């Protein structure tokens, strides 16, 4: 029988519920348990696929093509378990399903209400498909007190009564702020947050308290007294130098043991923390440093590139070096020479993105990397810009562009309206809905024998996750290859270019997919491990 852990947040948003959930999942795995992590998001969007990166950060994509919250990336990176469509639900999707059912007459004339229909749908989502798991961790998005989150809180309150006794617990993550003028950590925000939670009918079993310094014993005792939580269940969650220190930090504070105590599991299996100890050791004892420039268009909000950032750190772990990131808004190259910003970096990445803004700056970054033999990694849009750069500057196609930017006489990159997924033909319309209409999820690709990328992967058959609406036009392949650009990977039917590279460049690879979505700290993606290795070599040459 699965046991349920409901993780809620209070006081303020952005405290790191997703990271806390992922770290707890990793700790339970380290004790030999099989875990599943799920995210319940209160917003009305059906999924985050159409949300601006400036508002919501990265949209994480699963193998089955779900566009999900970025916290699912944390779940995958910390546990290694691939997430899927059934691991993320939003208010929008719940209401969409309920309204569709009501229109079909499924409710037999009943008045459709938040209670019981919406709450029942949430509970069904939480309970579905958990037969093979020991623990199911459910993170409730938002903050206690948010109006839109109330149906989710009500649902997990009901489950507390409906599940067998001892089958679920509640972990509440809060903030204990330091007030400099008073010289004190203050417990009152957490007290009020727990009071709000208890007014809904939920009594937390464990308090996970974020703080930037040690919480004195007296303050823990005070929280225990006023929040009706056992003193040893008040766990401090101090700021960590690296997110990959968090499992070890929580373990030292006794979070995983307290969770098992709350379920009455005694004796508890001993944890195997060697993997996390080794990761932490490598992060804090690097043998060198490389500087990687990320030339993007959402650099104001780093969460827009969350998986990319983490994958570069994984590449650093694989090579025992620290990876320092240099963020460059691509628009700056419209006015300034790229050499002023890229002259002292060890590698250049142009990541994914949408729209014309900043595209010319990205193309200039590609030119600089190609001409100066600096390791270059183009991901999705970054591969497309590399192809356009080659078309203009090597193949002499002056008007080479993408139809994403408007009508063009040379559509080197264009909108694909149909493609194969396995044996099924996927179709899209240019005038159709934006949400969920891209080439999403895992697709196979075939790499060219003897190519650099095939050597990096150690084979020619790969499967990677995609999220894009435009594709490189295969009709230009011969002209571009004659100019020196190698199309080193294609879709199995040979229609869609998947990877490019230059044979005369130390490390220049573009991929149409998003390899960062499958990288793990204990299993770095081979492309990121190889890219950072190339950056190390570049650093030695300077």
Protein backbone atom coordinates (compact mmCIF):
# COMPACT_ATOMS: atom_id res chain seq x y z
CA UNK A 1 0.00 0.00 0.00
CA UNK A 2 1.32 3.44 -0.97
CA UNK A 3 1.86 6.02 1.75
CA UNK A 4 1.18 9.67 0.90
CA UNK A 5 3.23 12.74 1.83
CA UNK A 6 1.56 16.08 1.10
CA UNK A 7 3.97 19.03 0.89
CA UNK A 8 2.46 22.50 1.32
CA UNK A 9 4.03 25.95 1.54
CA UNK A 10 3.41 29.02 3.62
CA UNK A 11 4.46 32.63 4.35
CA UNK A 12 5.83 33.40 0.85
CA UNK A 13 6.21 31.68 -2.50
CA UNK A 14 9.52 30.50 -4.00
CA UNK A 15 10.71 28.82 -0.82
CA UNK A 16 11.67 25.69 -2.73
CA UNK A 17 8.84 23.19 -2.20
CA UNK A 18 9.82 21.43 -5.41
CA UNK A 19 13.44 21.10 -4.33
CA UNK A 20 12.39 19.97 -0.85
CA UNK A 21 10.06 17.36 -2.35
CA UNK A 22 12.77 16.12 -4.71
CA UNK A 23 15.36 15.92 -1.92
CA UNK A 24 12.97 14.01 0.35
CA UNK A 25 12.18 11.64 -2.50
CA UNK A 26 15.91 11.05 -3.00
CA UNK A 27 16.36 10.32 0.72
CA UNK A 28 13.53 7.79 0.74
CA UNK A 29 15.06 6.18 -2.36
CA UNK A 30 18.39 6.00 -0.56
CA UNK A 31 16.63 3.88 2.06
CA UNK A 32 15.46 1.44 -0.61
CA UNK A 33 11.91 2.69 -1.11
CA UNK A 34 10.19 3.18 -4.46
CA UNK A 35 8.90 6.74 -4.75
CA UNK A 36 6.71 8.81 -7.04
CA UNK A 37 6.53 12.61 -7.03
CA UNK A 38 3.58 14.60 -8.32
CA UNK A 39 2.80 18.33 -8.64
CA UNK A 40 -0.64 19.92 -8.25
CA UNK A 41 -0.71 23.44 -9.70
CA UNK A 42 -3.61 25.79 -8.85
CA UNK A 43 -3.41 28.07 -11.91
CA UNK A 44 -6.13 28.00 -14.59
CA UNK A 45 -3.80 27.32 -17.51
CA UNK A 46 -4.27 23.77 -18.78
CA UNK A 47 -0.47 23.42 -18.67
CA UNK A 48 2.47 25.85 -18.58
CA UNK A 49 3.19 25.41 -22.30
CA UNK A 50 1.79 28.81 -23.28
CA UNK A 51 3.06 30.68 -20.21
CA UNK A 52 5.84 33.24 -20.55
CA UNK A 53 9.25 32.15 -19.24
CA UNK A 54 9.41 35.53 -17.51
CA UNK A 55 6.39 34.58 -15.39
CA UNK A 56 6.76 30.86 -14.90
CA UNK A 57 10.32 29.93 -15.75
CA UNK A 58 11.13 26.82 -17.72
CA UNK A 59 8.49 24.53 -19.16
CA UNK A 60 9.72 20.99 -18.49
CA UNK A 61 8.83 18.30 -21.07
CA UNK A 62 8.43 14.60 -20.35
CA UNK A 63 8.99 11.58 -22.60
CA UNK A 64 5.26 11.30 -23.28
CA UNK A 65 5.07 14.91 -24.45
CA UNK A 66 3.59 16.61 -21.41
CA UNK A 67 4.46 20.28 -20.89
CA UNK A 68 4.82 20.53 -17.13
CA UNK A 69 5.99 22.63 -14.22
CA UNK A 70 9.76 23.00 -13.82
CA UNK A 71 9.59 21.22 -10.45
CA UNK A 72 9.19 17.95 -12.34
CA UNK A 73 12.71 18.57 -13.58
CA UNK A 74 13.89 18.60 -9.97
CA UNK A 75 11.98 15.37 -9.35
CA UNK A 76 13.69 13.63 -12.27
CA UNK A 77 17.16 14.96 -11.51
CA UNK A 78 17.06 13.91 -7.86
CA UNK A 79 15.37 10.52 -8.21
CA UNK A 80 16.19 9.43 -11.78
CA UNK A 81 12.55 8.37 -12.25
CA UNK A 82 11.14 9.74 -15.56
CA UNK A 83 8.05 11.84 -14.95
CA UNK A 84 4.99 11.67 -17.20
CA UNK A 85 1.69 13.38 -18.01
CA UNK A 86 0.05 11.87 -14.93
CA UNK A 87 2.54 13.51 -12.56
CA UNK A 88 1.34 17.09 -13.06
CA UNK A 89 -2.21 18.44 -12.89
CA UNK A 90 -3.54 21.98 -13.00
CA UNK A 91 -6.86 23.59 -12.08
CA UNK A 92 -7.26 24.33 -15.78
CA UNK A 93 -7.00 20.68 -16.79
CA UNK A 94 -9.34 19.58 -13.99
CA UNK A 95 -12.00 22.11 -14.98
CA UNK A 96 -11.53 21.27 -18.66
CA UNK A 97 -12.24 17.60 -17.92
CA UNK A 98 -15.18 18.36 -15.64
CA UNK A 99 -16.84 20.72 -18.12
CA UNK A 100 -16.38 18.18 -20.92
CA UNK A 101 -18.03 15.54 -18.70
CA UNK A 102 -20.88 17.89 -17.84
CA UNK A 103 -21.52 18.63 -21.53
CA UNK A 104 -21.70 14.91 -22.25
CA UNK A 105 -24.27 14.52 -19.48
CA UNK A 106 -22.03 12.32 -17.33
CA UNK A 107 -23.32 13.88 -14.11
CA UNK A 108 -26.93 12.81 -14.85
CA UNK A 109 -28.40 16.25 -14.28
CA UNK A 110 -26.59 16.98 -10.98
CA UNK A 111 -25.49 20.49 -10.11
CA UNK A 112 -21.74 20.50 -10.71
CA UNK A 113 -19.91 22.07 -7.76
CA UNK A 114 -16.41 22.53 -6.36
CA UNK A 115 -17.34 20.08 -3.60
CA UNK A 116 -17.68 17.24 -4.42
CA UNK A 117 -16.96 17.27 -8.16
CA UNK A 118 -13.73 19.30 -8.33
CA UNK A 119 -12.33 17.85 -5.11
CA UNK A 120 -13.24 14.32 -6.23
CA UNK A 121 -11.37 14.88 -9.51
CA UNK A 122 -8.30 16.07 -7.61
CA UNK A 123 -8.43 13.06 -5.27
CA UNK A 124 -8.79 10.68 -8.20
CA UNK A 125 -5.70 12.20 -9.77
CA UNK A 126 -3.71 11.87 -6.54
CA UNK A 127 -4.67 8.24 -5.97
CA UNK A 128 -4.44 6.95 -9.55
CA UNK A 129 -1.69 4.54 -10.58
CA UNK A 130 0.24 4.31 -7.30
CA UNK A 131 -0.01 0.56 -6.70
CA UNK A 132 3.68 -0.09 -7.30
CA UNK A 133 5.05 2.67 -5.07
CA UNK A 134 5.96 2.78 -1.38
CA UNK A 135 5.67 6.56 -1.10
CA UNK A 136 3.82 9.14 -3.19
CA UNK A 137 4.93 12.73 -2.59
CA UNK A 138 2.39 15.36 -3.69
CA UNK A 139 3.50 18.97 -3.81
CA UNK A 140 0.69 21.56 -3.69
CA UNK A 141 1.67 24.62 -5.70
CA UNK A 142 1.21 28.13 -4.36
CA UNK A 143 0.97 29.24 -0.76
CA UNK A 144 -1.58 28.42 1.93
CA UNK A 145 -4.17 31.20 1.88
CA UNK A 146 -4.23 31.50 -1.92
CA UNK A 147 -7.85 31.45 -3.13
CA UNK A 148 -7.09 29.33 -6.20
CA UNK A 149 -5.39 26.64 -4.09
CA UNK A 150 -8.33 26.07 -1.74
CA UNK A 151 -9.83 23.09 -3.67
CA UNK A 152 -6.46 21.33 -3.50
CA UNK A 153 -6.10 21.89 0.24
CA UNK A 154 -9.67 20.69 0.74
CA UNK A 155 -8.93 17.57 -1.31
CA UNK A 156 -5.86 16.57 0.69
CA UNK A 157 -7.78 17.32 3.91
CA UNK A 158 -10.49 14.88 2.82
CA UNK A 159 -7.87 12.27 1.92
CA UNK A 160 -6.52 12.51 5.45
CA UNK A 161 -9.85 11.08 6.63
CA UNK A 162 -10.51 8.71 3.74
CA UNK A 163 -7.17 6.93 3.55
CA UNK A 164 -6.39 4.24 6.14
CA UNK A 165 -5.09 5.59 9.44
CA UNK A 166 -1.37 6.24 9.22
CA UNK A 167 -1.35 6.29 5.39
CA UNK A 168 -0.62 10.00 4.92
CA UNK A 169 1.23 12.87 6.57
CA UNK A 170 1.50 16.62 5.95
CA UNK A 171 4.81 18.49 5.62
CA UNK A 172 4.55 22.28 5.74
CA UNK A 173 7.43 24.40 4.38
CA UNK A 174 7.65 27.92 5.81
CA UNK A 175 10.05 30.82 6.22
CA UNK A 176 11.70 32.09 9.41
CA UNK A 177 12.96 35.57 8.48
CA UNK A 178 15.88 37.32 10.14
CA UNK A 179 15.04 40.90 11.13
CA UNK A 180 18.37 42.81 11.20
CA UNK A 181 17.11 45.73 13.28
CA UNK A 182 15.85 43.37 15.98
CA UNK A 183 18.69 40.91 15.59
CA UNK A 184 16.22 38.03 15.74
CA UNK A 185 14.74 35.18 13.75
CA UNK A 186 10.97 35.62 13.94
CA UNK A 187 8.55 32.71 14.43
CA UNK A 188 5.33 34.68 13.92
CA UNK A 189 5.06 34.25 10.11
CA UNK A 190 5.23 30.46 10.52
CA UNK A 191 2.72 30.58 13.37
CA UNK A 192 0.24 32.47 11.19
CA UNK A 193 0.85 30.15 8.24
CA UNK A 194 0.13 27.06 10.35
CA UNK A 195 -2.93 28.78 11.82
CA UNK A 196 -4.20 29.34 8.26
CA UNK A 197 -3.54 25.71 7.39
CA UNK A 198 -5.28 24.45 10.53
CA UNK A 199 -8.30 26.64 9.77
CA UNK A 200 -8.70 24.57 6.59
CA UNK A 201 -8.59 21.42 8.70
CA UNK A 202 -5.00 20.32 8.10
CA UNK A 203 -2.60 19.83 10.98
CA UNK A 204 1.01 19.54 9.78
CA UNK A 205 2.99 16.60 11.08
CA UNK A 206 6.36 18.12 10.16
CA UNK A 207 7.49 21.73 9.87
CA UNK A 208 10.32 22.33 7.42
CA UNK A 209 11.55 25.83 8.21
CA UNK A 210 13.69 27.80 5.76
CA UNK A 211 16.24 30.11 7.36
CA UNK A 212 19.54 31.72 6.45
CA UNK A 213 21.13 30.84 9.81
CA UNK A 214 20.87 28.27 12.59
CA UNK A 215 17.52 28.26 14.37
CA UNK A 216 18.09 28.32 18.13
CA UNK A 217 16.56 25.56 20.22
CA UNK A 218 14.30 28.02 22.01
CA UNK A 219 12.76 29.18 18.71
CA UNK A 220 12.17 25.56 17.69
CA UNK A 221 10.50 24.93 21.03
CA UNK A 222 8.32 27.99 20.47
CA UNK A 223 7.27 26.79 17.01
CA UNK A 224 6.50 23.37 18.44
CA UNK A 225 4.33 24.90 21.16
CA UNK A 226 2.34 27.33 19.05
CA UNK A 227 2.06 25.18 15.91
CA UNK A 228 1.10 21.97 17.73
CA UNK A 229 4.01 20.04 16.20
CA UNK A 230 6.43 17.80 18.12
CA UNK A 231 9.70 19.61 18.77
CA UNK A 232 11.81 17.00 16.98
CA UNK A 233 9.50 17.41 13.95
CA UNK A 234 10.53 21.07 13.56
CA UNK A 235 13.29 20.68 10.96
CA UNK A 236 15.49 23.58 9.95
CA UNK A 237 16.15 23.94 6.21
CA UNK A 238 19.18 26.17 5.96
CA UNK A 239 20.43 27.78 2.76
CA UNK A 240 22.86 25.47 0.93
CA UNK A 241 25.82 26.28 -1.29
CA UNK A 242 24.50 23.87 -3.94
CA UNK A 243 21.07 22.34 -4.45
CA UNK A 244 22.82 18.95 -4.55
CA UNK A 245 23.85 19.48 -0.92
CA UNK A 246 20.19 19.53 0.11
CA UNK A 247 19.64 15.74 0.44
CA UNK A 248 22.69 15.46 2.70
CA UNK A 249 21.67 18.56 4.66
CA UNK A 250 18.11 17.30 5.21
CA UNK A 251 19.43 13.89 6.19
CA UNK A 252 21.71 15.41 8.82
CA UNK A 253 18.76 17.39 10.18
CA UNK A 254 16.74 14.16 10.42
CA UNK A 255 13.97 14.90 7.92
CA UNK A 256 13.81 11.43 6.40
CA UNK A 257 13.91 9.76 9.81
CA UNK A 258 11.12 12.04 11.05
CA UNK A 259 8.98 11.14 8.04
CA UNK A 260 9.43 7.44 8.75
CA UNK A 261 8.67 8.06 12.44
CA UNK A 262 5.45 9.81 11.46
CA UNK A 263 4.41 6.69 9.55
CA UNK A 264 5.43 4.44 12.45
CA UNK A 265 8.10 2.67 10.40
CA UNK A 266 10.49 1.16 12.94
CA UNK A 267 13.13 -0.07 12.49
CA UNK A 268 13.80 2.03 9.41
CA UNK A 269 16.10 0.81 6.60
CA UNK A 270 19.52 2.43 6.75
CA UNK A 271 20.17 4.99 4.00
CA UNK A 272 22.88 4.63 1.37
CA UNK A 273 24.15 8.17 0.86
CA UNK A 274 27.37 7.40 -1.02
CA UNK A 275 26.12 8.81 -4.32
CA UNK A 276 25.16 12.16 -2.79
CA UNK A 277 28.37 12.29 -0.77
CA UNK A 278 30.40 11.83 -3.96
CA UNK A 279 28.40 14.48 -5.86
CA UNK A 280 28.85 16.94 -3.00
CA UNK A 281 32.58 16.17 -2.82
CA UNK A 282 33.09 16.87 -6.52
CA UNK A 283 31.08 20.10 -6.41
CA UNK A 284 33.05 21.51 -3.50
CA UNK A 285 36.50 20.27 -4.57
CA UNK A 286 36.84 21.12 -8.27
CA UNK A 287 40.18 20.74 -10.03
CA UNK A 288 39.64 23.77 -12.22
CA UNK A 289 37.10 26.21 -13.65
CA UNK A 290 35.59 26.93 -17.05
CA UNK A 291 33.50 29.89 -18.16
CA UNK A 292 30.48 29.18 -20.35
CA UNK A 293 28.59 31.99 -22.07
CA UNK A 294 24.83 31.51 -22.38
CA UNK A 295 23.59 33.77 -25.16
CA UNK A 296 19.84 33.85 -24.61
CA UNK A 297 16.79 36.07 -24.60
CA UNK A 298 15.28 35.30 -21.18
CA UNK A 299 18.43 35.82 -19.11
CA UNK A 300 16.68 38.23 -16.73
CA UNK A 301 14.95 35.20 -15.17
CA UNK A 302 17.45 32.37 -14.78
CA UNK A 303 14.65 29.87 -14.03
CA UNK A 304 13.79 30.05 -17.74
CA UNK A 305 16.93 27.93 -18.25
CA UNK A 306 16.71 25.80 -15.11
CA UNK A 307 17.44 22.40 -16.71
CA UNK A 308 20.21 23.90 -18.84
CA UNK A 309 21.92 25.39 -15.79
CA UNK A 310 21.75 22.10 -13.93
CA UNK A 311 22.97 20.08 -16.92
CA UNK A 312 26.05 22.29 -17.21
CA UNK A 313 26.74 21.67 -13.53
CA UNK A 314 26.40 17.94 -14.24
CA UNK A 315 28.95 18.32 -17.01
CA UNK A 316 31.22 20.02 -14.49
CA UNK A 317 30.76 17.12 -12.05
CA UNK A 318 31.69 14.68 -14.82
CA UNK A 319 34.93 16.61 -15.46
CA UNK A 320 35.74 17.64 -11.88
CA UNK A 321 35.56 21.34 -12.69
CA UNK A 322 33.47 24.29 -11.59
CA UNK A 323 31.28 25.74 -14.34
CA UNK A 324 30.88 29.49 -14.10
CA UNK A 325 28.10 30.92 -16.24
CA UNK A 326 28.30 34.22 -18.08
CA UNK A 327 24.81 35.41 -18.99
CA UNK A 328 24.53 37.48 -22.16
CA UNK A 329 21.28 38.92 -23.51
CA UNK A 330 21.56 38.32 -27.24
CA UNK A 331 20.14 41.77 -28.08
CA UNK A 332 23.42 43.32 -26.97
CA UNK A 333 25.16 42.07 -30.12
CA UNK A 334 22.88 44.30 -32.19
CA UNK A 335 24.98 47.19 -30.88
CA UNK A 336 28.26 45.75 -29.63
CA UNK A 337 31.02 43.53 -31.02
CA UNK A 338 30.66 39.93 -29.75
CA UNK A 339 34.41 39.73 -29.08
CA UNK A 340 34.04 42.14 -26.17
CA UNK A 341 31.79 39.63 -24.42
CA UNK A 342 32.91 36.28 -25.82
CA UNK A 343 36.65 36.79 -26.10
CA UNK A 344 37.52 35.17 -22.77
CA UNK A 345 34.97 32.35 -22.49
CA UNK A 346 35.69 28.63 -22.82
CA UNK A 347 32.41 27.66 -24.45
CA UNK A 348 29.28 29.21 -25.93
CA UNK A 349 25.71 27.97 -25.70
CA UNK A 350 22.74 29.33 -27.63
CA UNK A 351 19.71 27.71 -25.97
CA UNK A 352 16.09 27.30 -27.02
CA UNK A 353 13.71 30.21 -27.44
CA UNK A 354 10.80 31.52 -29.43
CA UNK A 355 10.35 34.52 -31.71
CA UNK A 356 12.53 36.86 -33.74
CA UNK A 357 13.74 39.11 -30.94
CA UNK A 358 17.43 38.54 -30.30
CA UNK A 359 17.86 36.12 -33.20
CA UNK A 360 20.41 38.25 -35.08
CA UNK A 361 22.50 38.52 -31.93
CA UNK A 362 22.44 34.75 -31.57
CA UNK A 363 23.58 34.34 -35.17
CA UNK A 364 26.53 36.67 -34.46
CA UNK A 365 27.43 34.51 -31.46
CA UNK A 366 27.40 31.45 -33.73
CA UNK A 367 29.70 33.19 -36.20
CA UNK A 368 32.12 34.12 -33.44
CA UNK A 369 32.23 30.56 -32.07
CA UNK A 370 32.71 29.05 -35.55
CA UNK A 371 35.41 31.43 -36.71
CA UNK A 372 37.36 31.45 -33.43
CA UNK A 373 37.11 27.68 -32.85
CA UNK A 374 35.40 28.09 -29.48
CA UNK A 375 33.30 25.08 -28.36
CA UNK A 376 29.71 25.77 -29.40
CA UNK A 377 26.52 24.01 -28.31
CA UNK A 378 23.31 25.02 -30.07
CA UNK A 379 20.12 23.65 -28.54
CA UNK A 380 16.83 23.71 -30.49
CA UNK A 381 16.62 27.36 -31.58
CA UNK A 382 20.40 27.45 -31.17
CA UNK A 383 20.77 24.75 -33.83
CA UNK A 384 18.41 26.61 -36.16
CA UNK A 385 20.42 29.81 -35.80
CA UNK A 386 23.62 27.85 -36.54
CA UNK A 387 22.07 26.51 -39.75
CA UNK A 388 20.92 29.98 -40.82
CA UNK A 389 24.41 31.33 -40.05
CA UNK A 390 25.99 28.64 -42.24
CA UNK A 391 23.51 29.32 -45.03
CA UNK A 392 24.26 33.04 -45.04
CA UNK A 393 28.00 33.05 -44.43
CA UNK A 394 29.20 29.77 -45.99
CA UNK A 395 26.63 28.77 -48.60
CA UNK A 396 25.99 32.29 -49.87
CA UNK A 397 22.24 32.23 -49.22
CA UNK A 398 22.02 35.87 -48.17
CA UNK A 399 18.29 35.90 -47.38
CA UNK A 400 18.33 32.68 -45.34
CA UNK A 401 15.85 32.95 -42.50
CA UNK A 402 13.05 31.24 -40.61
CA UNK A 403 9.36 31.48 -41.36
CA UNK A 404 8.95 31.97 -37.61
CA UNK A 405 10.14 35.53 -38.27
CA UNK A 406 7.76 36.16 -41.18
CA UNK A 407 7.64 35.47 -44.91
CA UNK A 408 11.01 34.75 -46.49
CA UNK A 409 12.28 33.81 -49.93
CA UNK A 410 14.78 31.37 -48.36
CA UNK A 411 12.97 29.36 -45.63
CA UNK A 412 15.98 27.48 -44.29
CA UNK A 413 13.88 26.94 -41.16
CA UNK A 414 10.14 26.47 -41.56
CA UNK A 415 6.92 25.41 -39.88
CA UNK A 416 6.31 21.66 -39.98
CA UNK A 417 2.65 20.71 -40.19
CA UNK A 418 3.05 16.93 -40.13
CA UNK A 419 5.62 14.39 -39.01
CA UNK A 420 5.95 10.78 -37.93
CA UNK A 421 5.92 9.74 -34.29
CA UNK A 422 6.69 6.04 -34.37
CA UNK A 423 4.27 4.73 -36.97
CA UNK A 424 1.66 7.45 -36.43
CA UNK A 425 1.37 10.62 -38.50
CA UNK A 426 1.12 13.76 -36.37
CA UNK A 427 -0.60 16.77 -37.98
CA UNK A 428 -0.75 20.44 -37.00
CA UNK A 429 -2.28 23.57 -38.52
CA UNK A 430 -0.54 26.93 -38.61
CA UNK A 431 -3.79 28.57 -37.45
CA UNK A 432 -4.48 26.00 -34.71
CA UNK A 433 -4.22 26.37 -30.95
CA UNK A 434 -0.82 27.24 -29.54
CA UNK A 435 -1.04 24.97 -26.52
CA UNK A 436 0.22 21.42 -26.92
CA UNK A 437 0.71 21.72 -30.69
CA UNK A 438 4.49 21.55 -30.96
CA UNK A 439 6.59 18.47 -31.61
CA UNK A 440 6.65 17.36 -28.00
CA UNK A 441 8.23 14.51 -26.08
CA UNK A 442 10.64 11.72 -26.97
CA UNK A 443 11.48 11.07 -30.63
CA UNK A 444 14.05 8.69 -32.11
CA UNK A 445 16.95 9.89 -34.24
CA UNK A 446 19.65 8.14 -36.24
CA UNK A 447 23.19 9.48 -36.07
CA UNK A 448 25.75 9.24 -38.86
CA UNK A 449 28.40 6.56 -38.39
CA UNK A 450 31.76 8.09 -37.52
CA UNK A 451 30.33 11.50 -36.64
CA UNK A 452 31.54 13.30 -33.54
CA UNK A 453 28.11 13.16 -31.93
CA UNK A 454 27.80 9.42 -32.54
CA UNK A 455 31.14 8.93 -30.81
CA UNK A 456 29.93 11.02 -27.87
CA UNK A 457 26.76 8.93 -27.52
CA UNK A 458 28.62 5.68 -28.17
CA UNK A 459 26.05 4.62 -30.79
CA UNK A 460 23.88 5.78 -33.66
CA UNK A 461 20.35 5.23 -32.32
CA UNK A 462 19.14 7.75 -29.76
CA UNK A 463 15.89 9.03 -28.25
CA UNK A 464 15.61 12.60 -26.98
CA UNK A 465 12.88 15.01 -25.91
CA UNK A 466 11.66 17.77 -28.22
CA UNK A 467 9.72 21.00 -27.81
CA UNK A 468 9.54 23.11 -30.94
CA UNK A 469 7.26 24.15 -33.76
CA UNK A 470 9.78 24.89 -36.52
CA UNK A 471 12.28 22.56 -38.23
CA UNK A 472 15.36 22.89 -40.40
CA UNK A 473 14.32 22.51 -44.04
CA UNK A 474 15.82 19.26 -45.41
CA UNK A 475 15.71 20.74 -48.94
CA UNK A 476 18.74 22.88 -48.08
CA UNK A 477 20.82 20.00 -46.73
CA UNK A 478 22.99 19.35 -49.82
CA UNK A 479 23.89 23.01 -50.35
CA UNK A 480 24.80 23.37 -46.69
CA UNK A 481 26.84 20.16 -46.60
CA UNK A 482 28.70 21.27 -49.74
CA UNK A 483 29.57 24.43 -47.76
CA UNK A 484 31.04 22.38 -44.89
CA UNK A 485 28.15 21.86 -42.45
CA UNK A 486 27.53 18.19 -41.61
CA UNK A 487 24.01 16.95 -40.94
CA UNK A 488 25.06 14.22 -38.55
CA UNK A 489 21.65 13.09 -37.34
CA UNK A 490 18.22 12.71 -38.94
CA UNK A 491 14.81 11.43 -37.94
CA UNK A 492 14.45 7.69 -38.77
CA UNK A 493 12.52 8.54 -41.95
CA UNK A 494 15.29 10.92 -43.07
CA UNK A 495 12.97 13.94 -43.26
CA UNK A 496 13.83 16.00 -40.18
CA UNK A 497 17.39 17.16 -39.39
CA UNK A 498 18.18 16.44 -35.74
CA UNK A 499 21.89 17.26 -35.30
CA UNK A 500 24.59 19.24 -37.09
CA UNK A 501 28.35 19.63 -36.62
CA UNK A 502 31.55 20.85 -38.32
CA UNK A 503 34.32 18.37 -39.01
CA UNK A 504 37.00 21.10 -38.92
CA UNK A 505 35.93 22.52 -35.54
CA UNK A 506 37.10 21.18 -32.14
CA UNK A 507 33.52 21.02 -30.79
CA UNK A 508 30.61 22.55 -32.68
CA UNK A 509 27.33 20.68 -32.29
CA UNK A 510 23.73 21.73 -32.74
CA UNK A 511 20.77 19.58 -31.75
CA UNK A 512 17.08 20.13 -32.49
CA UNK A 513 16.06 18.46 -29.24
CA UNK A 514 16.61 19.35 -25.56
CA UNK A 515 19.26 17.05 -24.04
CA UNK A 516 19.23 19.07 -20.80
CA UNK A 517 15.88 17.47 -19.92
CA UNK A 518 17.48 14.05 -19.43
CA UNK A 519 20.64 14.94 -17.52
CA UNK A 520 21.16 13.88 -13.89
CA UNK A 521 23.89 14.80 -11.37
CA UNK A 522 24.70 11.10 -10.91
CA UNK A 523 24.32 10.42 -14.67
CA UNK A 524 25.38 13.52 -16.67
CA UNK A 525 24.11 13.69 -20.23
CA UNK A 526 26.97 12.69 -22.58
CA UNK A 527 26.66 15.85 -24.66
CA UNK A 528 27.08 18.10 -21.63
CA UNK A 529 29.93 16.00 -20.26
CA UNK A 530 31.67 16.20 -23.66
CA UNK A 531 30.97 19.93 -24.09
CA UNK A 532 32.50 20.77 -20.72
CA UNK A 533 35.46 18.51 -21.52
CA UNK A 534 35.97 20.54 -24.70
CA UNK A 535 35.71 23.75 -22.65
CA UNK A 536 38.42 22.42 -20.33
CA UNK A 537 40.68 21.90 -23.36
CA UNK A 538 39.85 25.39 -24.62
CA UNK A 539 40.76 26.81 -21.21
CA UNK A 540 44.16 25.08 -21.32
CA UNK A 541 44.89 26.57 -24.73
CA UNK A 542 44.24 30.16 -23.67
